[in-house]
Amino acid sequence: MREVSFRAYYSKRGIDAQATYKAVEAVKTWERHLRSSGKTIGSSNVEDLKTYISKLISEGKNTDDRLLAISRYVYWVKKNDLFVYMAAVLGGRGVYESIGEKLDKVAGKSTRNEVFDGFVTPPLGSPPETYPSCTKALLDRLNVSLPSEIMKEALAGNHHRIPLTAYTEMKKRYDSAETIDEFLVGEHGRLVAELEETMKSGRLWYEQEITPEVVEFVRKDQRIQNGIRQGDVIIKTKIPFDPKRWLEEKDPKMKRYYACHCQLARSAILEGAAKPLSDFCYCSAGYEKYPLEVMLGVPLKVEVLESVLAGDDVCKFAVKIPHEKLK
């Protein structure tokens, strides 16, 4: 284990000594487990990691802090395949709970209880393929209890709980821009530059491997990530979850799989069972509208125009901008 540099990484992130100690011990415990089968972290693969997390679950040791430490360590040492898997098993944590909280606000506590009483989620760290059936069960409950528009409103929230402060600098750039169009063009340029820098560093951009082809793909389409204005709506598309493979893939099903970001639903694409989950794409729509809500300072309406769960090639959203907020 590269303990000294890992400790420095935690220190740089402002994490206290006690949490750092626990993180180091979590990685060392994993390392000892691998050594028992003649492997190291460097030589391990995703199947080895799945086996270890399964062991943690069975022993009741699958804590958020322990799994997060492993995730941060494999990111630090550039074990990209392991990091992508950890992002998959941790990326959806808290989303169901957050939907419940939003449901409480838009439909009331009794409706929330009606939907969530008896709703059981897989243990933390469970493989992504265990989640689509759970997501389908939640959608079924929502459909029984709510009109479609209220259900979509509950789903379209900031369910990854991104803090407002994450967009502080972006908000400053928006405030200084003459028009929304100018702002969106500028943000697209910043995104392309960020992708180019990430490519040069050899690190992942979130979970994405960035290649020259990916950079050019994004450069040519301003709708990706930031969007373009068409009248009083902003049209946005998501960058594929695995853009390198998405660009290379010819099979339509696999292309949709590589496009989908939702760890609570995407494996259903491989099973041919994704379409009944397509309303869950309003969760992704909420993620896409949230930065614009921060910029404008008001709640916004969003519509899913296309989604890979519904069988489309891309995920496309329309975010409605109130006339008084256009500039």
C-alpha atoms as a PDB file:
ATOM      1  CA  MET A   1       0.000   0.000   0.000  1.00  0.00           C
ATOM      2  CA  ARG A   2       1.212   3.505  -0.826  1.00  0.00           C
ATOM      3  CA  GLU A   3       0.389   4.655   2.683  1.00  0.00           C
ATOM      4  CA  VAL A   4       2.386   7.903   2.837  1.00  0.00           C
ATOM      5  CA  SER A   5       0.958   9.330  -0.384  1.00  0.00           C
ATOM      6  CA  PHE A   6      -2.546   8.149   0.535  1.00  0.00           C
ATOM      7  CA  ARG A   7      -2.316   9.912   3.881  1.00  0.00           C
ATOM      8  CA  ALA A   8      -1.150  13.044   2.057  1.00  0.00           C
ATOM      9  CA  TYR A   9      -4.138  12.748  -0.288  1.00  0.00           C
ATOM     10  CA  TYR A  10      -6.520  12.627   2.679  1.00  0.00           C
ATOM     11  CA  SER A  11      -4.746  15.557   4.320  1.00  0.00           C
ATOM     12  CA  LYS A  12      -5.052  17.596   1.135  1.00  0.00           C
ATOM     13  CA  ARG A  13      -8.801  16.937   1.165  1.00  0.00           C
ATOM     14  CA  GLY A  14      -8.987  18.301   4.724  1.00  0.00           C
ATOM     15  CA  ILE A  15      -9.911  14.947   6.282  1.00  0.00           C
ATOM     16  CA  ASP A  16      -8.993  14.642   9.960  1.00  0.00           C
ATOM     17  CA  ALA A  17      -6.390  12.275  11.408  1.00  0.00           C
ATOM     18  CA  GLN A  18      -8.853   9.799  12.919  1.00  0.00           C
ATOM     19  CA  ALA A  19     -10.769   9.372   9.651  1.00  0.00           C
ATOM     20  CA  THR A  20      -7.471   9.039   7.781  1.00  0.00           C
ATOM     21  CA  TYR A  21      -6.303   6.323  10.175  1.00  0.00           C
ATOM     22  CA  LYS A  22      -9.550   4.370   9.663  1.00  0.00           C
ATOM     23  CA  ALA A  23      -9.251   4.710   5.886  1.00  0.00           C
ATOM     24  CA  VAL A  24      -5.666   3.424   5.901  1.00  0.00           C
ATOM     25  CA  GLU A  25      -6.678   0.479   8.086  1.00  0.00           C
ATOM     26  CA  ALA A  26      -9.582  -0.310   5.739  1.00  0.00           C
ATOM     27  CA  VAL A  27      -7.233  -0.487   2.758  1.00  0.00           C
ATOM     28  CA  LYS A  28      -4.656  -2.518   4.680  1.00  0.00           C
ATOM     29  CA  THR A  29      -7.346  -5.013   5.691  1.00  0.00           C
ATOM     30  CA  TRP A  30      -8.360  -5.384   2.066  1.00  0.00           C
ATOM     31  CA  GLU A  31      -4.710  -5.802   1.101  1.00  0.00           C
ATOM     32  CA  ARG A  32      -4.240  -8.589   3.662  1.00  0.00           C
ATOM     33  CA  HIS A  33      -7.301 -10.341   2.276  1.00  0.00           C
ATOM     34  CA  LEU A  34      -5.841 -10.215  -1.236  1.00  0.00           C
ATOM     35  CA  ARG A  35      -2.478 -11.535  -0.052  1.00  0.00           C
ATOM     36  CA  SER A  36      -4.181 -14.633   1.325  1.00  0.00           C
ATOM     37  CA  SER A  37      -4.956 -15.599  -2.263  1.00  0.00           C
ATOM     38  CA  GLY A  38      -1.584 -14.538  -3.640  1.00  0.00           C
ATOM     39  CA  LYS A  39      -2.677 -11.159  -5.000  1.00  0.00           C
ATOM     40  CA  THR A  40      -1.969  -7.490  -4.409  1.00  0.00           C
ATOM     41  CA  ILE A  41      -4.094  -4.436  -4.994  1.00  0.00           C
ATOM     42  CA  GLY A  42      -2.092  -3.805  -8.143  1.00  0.00           C
ATOM     43  CA  SER A  43      -2.736  -7.281  -9.550  1.00  0.00           C
ATOM     44  CA  SER A  44      -6.363  -7.578  -8.413  1.00  0.00           C
ATOM     45  CA  ASN A  45      -9.351  -7.276 -10.735  1.00  0.00           C
ATOM     46  CA  VAL A  46     -13.030  -6.382 -10.435  1.00  0.00           C
ATOM     47  CA  GLU A  47     -14.037  -9.953  -9.588  1.00  0.00           C
ATOM     48  CA  ASP A  48     -11.588  -9.939  -6.671  1.00  0.00           C
ATOM     49  CA  LEU A  49     -13.137  -6.695  -5.457  1.00  0.00           C
ATOM     50  CA  LYS A  50     -16.675  -8.080  -5.769  1.00  0.00           C
ATOM     51  CA  THR A  51     -15.663 -11.112  -3.710  1.00  0.00           C
ATOM     52  CA  TYR A  52     -14.201  -8.936  -0.977  1.00  0.00           C
ATOM     53  CA  ILE A  53     -17.217  -6.626  -0.783  1.00  0.00           C
ATOM     54  CA  SER A  54     -19.495  -9.678  -0.624  1.00  0.00           C
ATOM     55  CA  LYS A  55     -17.431 -10.851   2.346  1.00  0.00           C
ATOM     56  CA  LEU A  56     -17.830  -7.449   4.018  1.00  0.00           C
ATOM     57  CA  ILE A  57     -21.591  -7.583   3.508  1.00  0.00           C
ATOM     58  CA  SER A  58     -21.858 -11.062   4.998  1.00  0.00           C
ATOM     59  CA  GLU A  59     -19.833  -9.945   8.033  1.00  0.00           C
ATOM     60  CA  GLY A  60     -21.770  -6.704   8.485  1.00  0.00           C
ATOM     61  CA  LYS A  61     -18.646  -4.638   7.788  1.00  0.00           C
ATOM     62  CA  ASN A  62     -19.861  -2.953   4.605  1.00  0.00           C
ATOM     63  CA  THR A  63     -19.781   0.523   6.091  1.00  0.00           C
ATOM     64  CA  ASP A  64     -19.862   3.647   3.976  1.00  0.00           C
ATOM     65  CA  ASP A  65     -16.499   4.832   5.331  1.00  0.00           C
ATOM     66  CA  ARG A  66     -14.788   1.501   4.600  1.00  0.00           C
ATOM     67  CA  LEU A  67     -16.073   1.303   1.029  1.00  0.00           C
ATOM     68  CA  LEU A  68     -15.339   4.973   0.416  1.00  0.00           C
ATOM     69  CA  ALA A  69     -11.739   4.471   1.568  1.00  0.00           C
ATOM     70  CA  ILE A  70     -11.285   1.639  -0.925  1.00  0.00           C
ATOM     71  CA  SER A  71     -12.850   3.769  -3.641  1.00  0.00           C
ATOM     72  CA  ARG A  72     -10.565   6.701  -2.930  1.00  0.00           C
ATOM     73  CA  TYR A  73      -7.497   4.493  -2.794  1.00  0.00           C
ATOM     74  CA  VAL A  74      -8.069   2.797  -6.155  1.00  0.00           C
ATOM     75  CA  TYR A  75      -8.713   6.220  -7.675  1.00  0.00           C
ATOM     76  CA  TRP A  76      -5.447   7.495  -6.189  1.00  0.00           C
ATOM     77  CA  VAL A  77      -3.372   4.623  -7.575  1.00  0.00           C
ATOM     78  CA  LYS A  78      -5.158   4.796 -10.960  1.00  0.00           C
ATOM     79  CA  LYS A  79      -6.761   1.363 -10.792  1.00  0.00           C
ATOM     80  CA  ASN A  80      -9.430   2.752 -13.071  1.00  0.00           C
ATOM     81  CA  ASP A  81     -11.412  -0.450 -13.565  1.00  0.00           C
ATOM     82  CA  LEU A  82     -11.761  -0.891  -9.795  1.00  0.00           C
ATOM     83  CA  PHE A  83     -12.677   2.749  -9.291  1.00  0.00           C
ATOM     84  CA  VAL A  84     -15.418   2.576 -11.932  1.00  0.00           C
ATOM     85  CA  TYR A  85     -16.871  -0.446 -10.156  1.00  0.00           C
ATOM     86  CA  MET A  86     -16.731   1.289  -6.769  1.00  0.00           C
ATOM     87  CA  ALA A  87     -18.454   4.314  -8.280  1.00  0.00           C
ATOM     88  CA  ALA A  88     -21.139   1.939  -9.545  1.00  0.00           C
ATOM     89  CA  VAL A  89     -21.828   0.382  -6.144  1.00  0.00           C
ATOM     90  CA  LEU A  90     -21.655   3.675  -4.247  1.00  0.00           C
ATOM     91  CA  GLY A  91     -23.021   6.136  -6.804  1.00  0.00           C
ATOM     92  CA  GLY A  92     -26.680   5.437  -6.053  1.00  0.00           C
ATOM     93  CA  ARG A  93     -26.407   5.363  -2.285  1.00  0.00           C
ATOM     94  CA  GLY A  94     -28.855   7.759  -0.725  1.00  0.00           C
ATOM     95  CA  VAL A  95     -30.922   8.295  -3.897  1.00  0.00           C
ATOM     96  CA  TYR A  96     -33.945   6.272  -2.735  1.00  0.00           C
ATOM     97  CA  GLU A  97     -33.889   8.038   0.625  1.00  0.00           C
ATOM     98  CA  SER A  98     -33.648  11.438  -1.056  1.00  0.00           C
ATOM     99  CA  ILE A  99     -36.622  10.621  -3.279  1.00  0.00           C
ATOM    100  CA  GLY A 100     -38.569   9.831  -0.117  1.00  0.00           C
ATOM    101  CA  GLU A 101     -37.677  13.220   1.334  1.00  0.00           C
ATOM    102  CA  LYS A 102     -38.765  15.007  -1.853  1.00  0.00           C
ATOM    103  CA  LEU A 103     -41.977  12.981  -1.909  1.00  0.00           C
ATOM    104  CA  ASP A 104     -42.716  14.170   1.607  1.00  0.00           C
ATOM    105  CA  LYS A 105     -42.492  17.773   0.358  1.00  0.00           C
ATOM    106  CA  VAL A 106     -44.569  17.416  -2.811  1.00  0.00           C
ATOM    107  CA  ALA A 107     -47.186  14.889  -1.675  1.00  0.00           C
ATOM    108  CA  GLY A 108     -47.098  14.770   2.121  1.00  0.00           C
ATOM    109  CA  LYS A 109     -45.893  12.437   4.823  1.00  0.00           C
ATOM    110  CA  SER A 110     -48.779   9.986   4.514  1.00  0.00           C
ATOM    111  CA  THR A 111     -48.052   9.425   0.809  1.00  0.00           C
ATOM    112  CA  ARG A 112     -44.377   9.008   1.536  1.00  0.00           C
ATOM    113  CA  ASN A 113     -45.209   6.372   4.142  1.00  0.00           C
ATOM    114  CA  GLU A 114     -47.596   4.653   1.740  1.00  0.00           C
ATOM    115  CA  VAL A 115     -44.839   4.388  -0.886  1.00  0.00           C
ATOM    116  CA  PHE A 116     -41.890   3.534   1.331  1.00  0.00           C
ATOM    117  CA  ASP A 117     -43.326   1.381   4.120  1.00  0.00           C
ATOM    118  CA  GLY A 118     -41.929  -2.098   3.537  1.00  0.00           C
ATOM    119  CA  PHE A 119     -39.666  -0.923   0.712  1.00  0.00           C
ATOM    120  CA  VAL A 120     -36.353  -2.771   1.125  1.00  0.00           C
ATOM    121  CA  THR A 121     -33.135  -1.842  -0.649  1.00  0.00           C
ATOM    122  CA  PRO A 122     -30.069  -4.031  -1.262  1.00  0.00           C
ATOM    123  CA  PRO A 123     -27.248  -3.825   1.313  1.00  0.00           C
ATOM    124  CA  LEU A 124     -24.630  -1.121   0.760  1.00  0.00           C
ATOM    125  CA  GLY A 125     -22.002  -2.417  -1.645  1.00  0.00           C
ATOM    126  CA  SER A 126     -24.346  -4.778  -3.482  1.00  0.00           C
ATOM    127  CA  PRO A 127     -23.604  -5.304  -7.197  1.00  0.00           C
ATOM    128  CA  PRO A 128     -25.388  -2.902  -9.582  1.00  0.00           C
ATOM    129  CA  GLU A 129     -27.420  -5.733 -11.109  1.00  0.00           C
ATOM    130  CA  THR A 130     -29.311  -6.128  -7.816  1.00  0.00           C
ATOM    131  CA  TYR A 131     -30.876  -2.650  -8.105  1.00  0.00           C
ATOM    132  CA  PRO A 132     -33.173  -2.564 -11.188  1.00  0.00           C
ATOM    133  CA  SER A 133     -35.795  -4.806  -9.570  1.00  0.00           C
ATOM    134  CA  CYS A 134     -35.759  -2.524  -6.543  1.00  0.00           C
ATOM    135  CA  THR A 135     -36.120   0.550  -8.749  1.00  0.00           C
ATOM    136  CA  LYS A 136     -39.020  -1.106 -10.592  1.00  0.00           C
ATOM    137  CA  ALA A 137     -40.726  -1.827  -7.267  1.00  0.00           C
ATOM    138  CA  LEU A 138     -40.375   1.827  -6.255  1.00  0.00           C
ATOM    139  CA  LEU A 139     -41.793   3.050  -9.571  1.00  0.00           C
ATOM    140  CA  ASP A 140     -44.743   0.667  -9.227  1.00  0.00           C
ATOM    141  CA  ARG A 141     -45.475   2.053  -5.775  1.00  0.00           C
ATOM    142  CA  LEU A 142     -45.182   5.650  -7.003  1.00  0.00           C
ATOM    143  CA  ASN A 143     -47.492   4.981  -9.948  1.00  0.00           C
ATOM    144  CA  VAL A 144     -50.157   3.532  -7.654  1.00  0.00           C
ATOM    145  CA  SER A 145     -49.984   6.432  -5.181  1.00  0.00           C
ATOM    146  CA  LEU A 146     -49.413   9.482  -7.374  1.00  0.00           C
ATOM    147  CA  PRO A 147     -50.493  11.217 -10.575  1.00  0.00           C
ATOM    148  CA  SER A 148     -47.779  11.066 -13.231  1.00  0.00           C
ATOM    149  CA  GLU A 149     -46.769  14.738 -12.950  1.00  0.00           C
ATOM    150  CA  ILE A 150     -46.354  14.593  -9.162  1.00  0.00           C
ATOM    151  CA  MET A 151     -44.341  11.396  -9.470  1.00  0.00           C
ATOM    152  CA  LYS A 152     -42.019  13.062 -11.990  1.00  0.00           C
ATOM    153  CA  GLU A 153     -41.659  16.092  -9.731  1.00  0.00           C
ATOM    154  CA  ALA A 154     -40.654  13.842  -6.832  1.00  0.00           C
ATOM    155  CA  LEU A 155     -38.101  12.034  -8.983  1.00  0.00           C
ATOM    156  CA  ALA A 156     -36.635  15.192 -10.537  1.00  0.00           C
ATOM    157  CA  GLY A 157     -34.752  16.433  -7.510  1.00  0.00           C
ATOM    158  CA  ASN A 158     -31.149  16.927  -6.436  1.00  0.00           C
ATOM    159  CA  HIS A 159     -31.020  13.321  -5.278  1.00  0.00           C
ATOM    160  CA  HIS A 160     -27.240  13.087  -5.334  1.00  0.00           C
ATOM    161  CA  ARG A 161     -27.326  15.935  -2.803  1.00  0.00           C
ATOM    162  CA  ILE A 162     -24.805  18.143  -4.530  1.00  0.00           C
ATOM    163  CA  PRO A 163     -24.190  21.212  -2.351  1.00  0.00           C
ATOM    164  CA  LEU A 164     -24.891  24.699  -3.689  1.00  0.00           C
ATOM    165  CA  THR A 165     -21.248  25.535  -3.080  1.00  0.00           C
ATOM    166  CA  ALA A 166     -20.233  23.120  -5.837  1.00  0.00           C
ATOM    167  CA  TYR A 167     -21.475  25.723  -8.311  1.00  0.00           C
ATOM    168  CA  THR A 168     -20.108  28.879  -6.665  1.00  0.00           C
ATOM    169  CA  GLU A 169     -17.631  29.689  -9.426  1.00  0.00           C
ATOM    170  CA  MET A 170     -20.103  28.748 -12.153  1.00  0.00           C
ATOM    171  CA  LYS A 171     -22.667  31.082 -10.594  1.00  0.00           C
ATOM    172  CA  LYS A 172     -20.126  33.924 -10.725  1.00  0.00           C
ATOM    173  CA  ARG A 173     -19.523  33.234 -14.407  1.00  0.00           C
ATOM    174  CA  TYR A 174     -23.246  33.209 -15.071  1.00  0.00           C
ATOM    175  CA  ASP A 175     -23.764  36.502 -13.246  1.00  0.00           C
ATOM    176  CA  SER A 176     -20.991  38.163 -15.260  1.00  0.00           C
ATOM    177  CA  ALA A 177     -22.242  36.875 -18.640  1.00  0.00           C
ATOM    178  CA  GLU A 178     -24.333  39.206 -20.796  1.00  0.00           C
ATOM    179  CA  THR A 179     -26.699  36.442 -21.913  1.00  0.00           C
ATOM    180  CA  ILE A 180     -27.551  32.826 -21.171  1.00  0.00           C
ATOM    181  CA  ASP A 181     -26.230  31.956 -24.627  1.00  0.00           C
ATOM    182  CA  GLU A 182     -22.852  33.527 -23.856  1.00  0.00           C
ATOM    183  CA  PHE A 183     -22.712  31.656 -20.561  1.00  0.00           C
ATOM    184  CA  LEU A 184     -23.496  28.288 -22.173  1.00  0.00           C
ATOM    185  CA  VAL A 185     -20.885  28.771 -24.898  1.00  0.00           C
ATOM    186  CA  GLY A 186     -18.292  29.640 -22.276  1.00  0.00           C
ATOM    187  CA  GLU A 187     -19.148  26.627 -20.124  1.00  0.00           C
ATOM    188  CA  HIS A 188     -18.855  24.348 -23.135  1.00  0.00           C
ATOM    189  CA  GLY A 189     -15.367  25.680 -23.831  1.00  0.00           C
ATOM    190  CA  ARG A 190     -14.390  25.118 -20.201  1.00  0.00           C
ATOM    191  CA  LEU A 191     -15.696  21.547 -20.361  1.00  0.00           C
ATOM    192  CA  VAL A 192     -13.649  20.737 -23.469  1.00  0.00           C
ATOM    193  CA  ALA A 193     -10.524  22.224 -21.861  1.00  0.00           C
ATOM    194  CA  GLU A 194     -11.152  20.192 -18.691  1.00  0.00           C
ATOM    195  CA  LEU A 195     -11.509  16.996 -20.714  1.00  0.00           C
ATOM    196  CA  GLU A 196      -8.282  17.701 -22.574  1.00  0.00           C
ATOM    197  CA  GLU A 197      -6.414  18.232 -19.308  1.00  0.00           C
ATOM    198  CA  THR A 198      -7.896  15.061 -17.810  1.00  0.00           C
ATOM    199  CA  MET A 199      -6.856  13.082 -20.889  1.00  0.00           C
ATOM    200  CA  LYS A 200      -3.282  14.318 -20.549  1.00  0.00           C
ATOM    201  CA  SER A 201      -3.170  13.406 -16.842  1.00  0.00           C
ATOM    202  CA  GLY A 202      -4.259   9.802 -17.460  1.00  0.00           C
ATOM    203  CA  ARG A 203      -6.905  10.026 -14.759  1.00  0.00           C
ATOM    204  CA  LEU A 204     -10.612   9.425 -15.117  1.00  0.00           C
ATOM    205  CA  TRP A 205     -13.073  12.274 -15.490  1.00  0.00           C
ATOM    206  CA  TYR A 206     -15.589  11.158 -12.874  1.00  0.00           C
ATOM    207  CA  GLU A 207     -15.966   7.543 -14.112  1.00  0.00           C
ATOM    208  CA  GLN A 208     -15.134   8.328 -17.738  1.00  0.00           C
ATOM    209  CA  GLU A 209     -11.973   7.444 -19.631  1.00  0.00           C
ATOM    210  CA  ILE A 210     -11.187  10.413 -21.854  1.00  0.00           C
ATOM    211  CA  THR A 211      -9.573   9.821 -25.242  1.00  0.00           C
ATOM    212  CA  PRO A 212      -8.922  12.213 -28.149  1.00  0.00           C
ATOM    213  CA  GLU A 213     -12.064  10.834 -29.793  1.00  0.00           C
ATOM    214  CA  VAL A 214     -14.138  11.625 -26.705  1.00  0.00           C
ATOM    215  CA  VAL A 215     -12.785  15.178 -26.594  1.00  0.00           C
ATOM    216  CA  GLU A 216     -13.686  15.749 -30.246  1.00  0.00           C
ATOM    217  CA  PHE A 217     -17.138  14.229 -29.759  1.00  0.00           C
ATOM    218  CA  VAL A 218     -17.866  16.681 -26.932  1.00  0.00           C
ATOM    219  CA  ARG A 219     -16.243  19.608 -28.740  1.00  0.00           C
ATOM    220  CA  LYS A 220     -18.686  19.226 -31.641  1.00  0.00           C
ATOM    221  CA  ASP A 221     -21.865  19.164 -29.537  1.00  0.00           C
ATOM    222  CA  GLN A 222     -22.579  21.986 -27.093  1.00  0.00           C
ATOM    223  CA  ARG A 223     -25.728  20.211 -25.872  1.00  0.00           C
ATOM    224  CA  ILE A 224     -23.539  17.755 -23.941  1.00  0.00           C
ATOM    225  CA  GLN A 225     -23.405  18.601 -20.234  1.00  0.00           C
ATOM    226  CA  ASN A 226     -24.166  22.327 -20.593  1.00  0.00           C
ATOM    227  CA  GLY A 227     -26.790  22.737 -23.294  1.00  0.00           C
ATOM    228  CA  ILE A 228     -28.059  25.157 -25.912  1.00  0.00           C
ATOM    229  CA  ARG A 229     -30.987  27.543 -25.624  1.00  0.00           C
ATOM    230  CA  GLN A 230     -33.976  27.089 -27.924  1.00  0.00           C
ATOM    231  CA  GLY A 231     -36.461  29.806 -27.112  1.00  0.00           C
ATOM    232  CA  ASP A 232     -37.261  29.499 -23.432  1.00  0.00           C
ATOM    233  CA  VAL A 233     -35.793  26.014 -22.905  1.00  0.00           C
ATOM    234  CA  ILE A 234     -32.284  24.689 -22.497  1.00  0.00           C
ATOM    235  CA  ILE A 235     -31.729  21.434 -24.399  1.00  0.00           C
ATOM    236  CA  LYS A 236     -29.143  19.201 -22.728  1.00  0.00           C
ATOM    237  CA  THR A 237     -27.805  15.730 -23.461  1.00  0.00           C
ATOM    238  CA  LYS A 238     -25.738  13.558 -21.168  1.00  0.00           C
ATOM    239  CA  ILE A 239     -22.235  12.517 -22.053  1.00  0.00           C
ATOM    240  CA  PRO A 240     -22.293   8.703 -22.285  1.00  0.00           C
ATOM    241  CA  PHE A 241     -21.344   6.954 -19.061  1.00  0.00           C
ATOM    242  CA  ASP A 242     -18.561   5.122 -20.923  1.00  0.00           C
ATOM    243  CA  PRO A 243     -17.927   7.456 -23.866  1.00  0.00           C
ATOM    244  CA  LYS A 244     -14.900   5.587 -25.215  1.00  0.00           C
ATOM    245  CA  ARG A 245     -16.793   2.316 -25.574  1.00  0.00           C
ATOM    246  CA  TRP A 246     -19.970   4.118 -26.650  1.00  0.00           C
ATOM    247  CA  LEU A 247     -18.153   5.680 -29.583  1.00  0.00           C
ATOM    248  CA  GLU A 248     -16.666   2.319 -30.600  1.00  0.00           C
ATOM    249  CA  GLU A 249     -19.768   0.151 -30.080  1.00  0.00           C
ATOM    250  CA  LYS A 250     -22.021  -0.906 -32.984  1.00  0.00           C
ATOM    251  CA  ASP A 251     -24.563  -3.077 -31.176  1.00  0.00           C
ATOM    252  CA  PRO A 252     -27.608  -0.897 -30.266  1.00  0.00           C
ATOM    253  CA  LYS A 253     -28.236  -2.575 -26.901  1.00  0.00           C
ATOM    254  CA  MET A 254     -24.632  -2.295 -25.770  1.00  0.00           C
ATOM    255  CA  LYS A 255     -24.485   1.284 -27.011  1.00  0.00           C
ATOM    256  CA  ARG A 256     -27.459   2.154 -24.798  1.00  0.00           C
ATOM    257  CA  TYR A 257     -25.806   0.354 -21.888  1.00  0.00           C
ATOM    258  CA  TYR A 258     -22.607   2.347 -22.315  1.00  0.00           C
ATOM    259  CA  ALA A 259     -24.684   5.528 -22.488  1.00  0.00           C
ATOM    260  CA  CYS A 260     -26.648   5.014 -19.263  1.00  0.00           C
ATOM    261  CA  HIS A 261     -25.381   6.627 -16.044  1.00  0.00           C
ATOM    262  CA  CYS A 262     -28.008   5.272 -13.657  1.00  0.00           C
ATOM    263  CA  GLN A 263     -26.480   2.610 -11.421  1.00  0.00           C
ATOM    264  CA  LEU A 264     -29.948   1.834 -10.076  1.00  0.00           C
ATOM    265  CA  ALA A 265     -31.285   0.859 -13.509  1.00  0.00           C
ATOM    266  CA  ARG A 266     -28.656   0.490 -16.249  1.00  0.00           C
ATOM    267  CA  SER A 267     -28.057  -3.273 -15.969  1.00  0.00           C
ATOM    268  CA  ALA A 268     -31.722  -3.777 -16.952  1.00  0.00           C
ATOM    269  CA  ILE A 269     -30.702  -2.723 -20.476  1.00  0.00           C
ATOM    270  CA  LEU A 270     -28.641  -5.895 -20.811  1.00  0.00           C
ATOM    271  CA  GLU A 271     -31.614  -7.964 -19.671  1.00  0.00           C
ATOM    272  CA  GLY A 272     -34.043  -6.333 -22.109  1.00  0.00           C
ATOM    273  CA  ALA A 273     -36.079  -5.040 -19.177  1.00  0.00           C
ATOM    274  CA  ALA A 274     -35.241  -1.331 -19.205  1.00  0.00           C
ATOM    275  CA  LYS A 275     -38.347   0.283 -20.709  1.00  0.00           C
ATOM    276  CA  PRO A 276     -40.562  -0.131 -17.600  1.00  0.00           C
ATOM    277  CA  LEU A 277     -37.887   1.839 -15.718  1.00  0.00           C
ATOM    278  CA  SER A 278     -37.843   4.799 -18.117  1.00  0.00           C
ATOM    279  CA  ASP A 279     -39.799   7.123 -15.788  1.00  0.00           C
ATOM    280  CA  PHE A 280     -36.858   6.850 -13.404  1.00  0.00           C
ATOM    281  CA  CYS A 281     -34.936   8.982 -15.908  1.00  0.00           C
ATOM    282  CA  TYR A 282     -36.632  11.963 -14.256  1.00  0.00           C
ATOM    283  CA  CYS A 283     -34.097  11.449 -11.489  1.00  0.00           C
ATOM    284  CA  SER A 284     -31.396  12.115 -14.096  1.00  0.00           C
ATOM    285  CA  ALA A 285     -33.440  15.068 -15.358  1.00  0.00           C
ATOM    286  CA  GLY A 286     -33.307  16.520 -11.859  1.00  0.00           C
ATOM    287  CA  TYR A 287     -29.528  16.198 -11.894  1.00  0.00           C
ATOM    288  CA  GLU A 288     -29.395  18.052 -15.218  1.00  0.00           C
ATOM    289  CA  LYS A 289     -31.612  20.946 -14.173  1.00  0.00           C
ATOM    290  CA  TYR A 290     -30.034  21.503 -10.766  1.00  0.00           C
ATOM    291  CA  PRO A 291     -27.041  23.611 -11.938  1.00  0.00           C
ATOM    292  CA  LEU A 292     -29.432  25.891 -13.833  1.00  0.00           C
ATOM    293  CA  GLU A 293     -31.611  26.205 -10.741  1.00  0.00           C
ATOM    294  CA  VAL A 294     -28.538  27.353  -8.836  1.00  0.00           C
ATOM    295  CA  MET A 295     -27.659  29.847 -11.587  1.00  0.00           C
ATOM    296  CA  LEU A 296     -31.168  31.318 -11.762  1.00  0.00           C
ATOM    297  CA  GLY A 297     -32.131  30.973  -8.120  1.00  0.00           C
ATOM    298  CA  VAL A 298     -35.566  29.443  -8.802  1.00  0.00           C
ATOM    299  CA  PRO A 299     -37.044  25.924  -9.125  1.00  0.00           C
ATOM    300  CA  LEU A 300     -37.307  24.819 -12.763  1.00  0.00           C
ATOM    301  CA  LYS A 301     -39.453  22.411 -14.744  1.00  0.00           C
ATOM    302  CA  VAL A 302     -37.755  19.692 -16.777  1.00  0.00           C
ATOM    303  CA  GLU A 303     -38.941  17.202 -19.364  1.00  0.00           C
ATOM    304  CA  VAL A 304     -37.278  13.986 -20.493  1.00  0.00           C
ATOM    305  CA  LEU A 305     -37.279  14.135 -24.299  1.00  0.00           C
ATOM    306  CA  GLU A 306     -35.322  10.940 -24.939  1.00  0.00           C
ATOM    307  CA  SER A 307     -33.713   8.294 -22.758  1.00  0.00           C
ATOM    308  CA  VAL A 308     -31.705   5.151 -23.314  1.00  0.00           C
ATOM    309  CA  LEU A 309     -33.900   3.252 -20.841  1.00  0.00           C
ATOM    310  CA  ALA A 310     -36.843   4.000 -23.138  1.00  0.00           C
ATOM    311  CA  GLY A 311     -34.864   2.713 -26.111  1.00  0.00           C
ATOM    312  CA  ASP A 312     -33.436   5.957 -27.478  1.00  0.00           C
ATOM    313  CA  ASP A 313     -29.805   6.433 -28.457  1.00  0.00           C
ATOM    314  CA  VAL A 314     -29.143   9.276 -26.012  1.00  0.00           C
ATOM    315  CA  CYS A 315     -30.588  10.925 -22.921  1.00  0.00           C
ATOM    316  CA  LYS A 316     -31.980  14.355 -23.789  1.00  0.00           C
ATOM    317  CA  PHE A 317     -33.701  16.872 -21.524  1.00  0.00           C
ATOM    318  CA  ALA A 318     -35.515  20.184 -21.880  1.00  0.00           C
ATOM    319  CA  VAL A 319     -35.214  22.600 -18.955  1.00  0.00           C
ATOM    320  CA  LYS A 320     -37.848  25.338 -18.991  1.00  0.00           C
ATOM    321  CA  ILE A 321     -36.567  28.856 -18.228  1.00  0.00           C
ATOM    322  CA  PRO A 322     -39.127  31.389 -16.914  1.00  0.00           C
ATOM    323  CA  HIS A 323     -39.426  34.410 -19.231  1.00  0.00           C
ATOM    324  CA  GLU A 324     -38.411  36.801 -16.469  1.00  0.00           C
ATOM    325  CA  LYS A 325     -35.162  34.866 -16.023  1.00  0.00           C
ATOM    326  CA  LEU A 326     -34.109  34.994 -19.669  1.00  0.00           C
ATOM    327  CA  LYS A 327     -31.258  37.340 -20.448  1.00  0.00           C
END
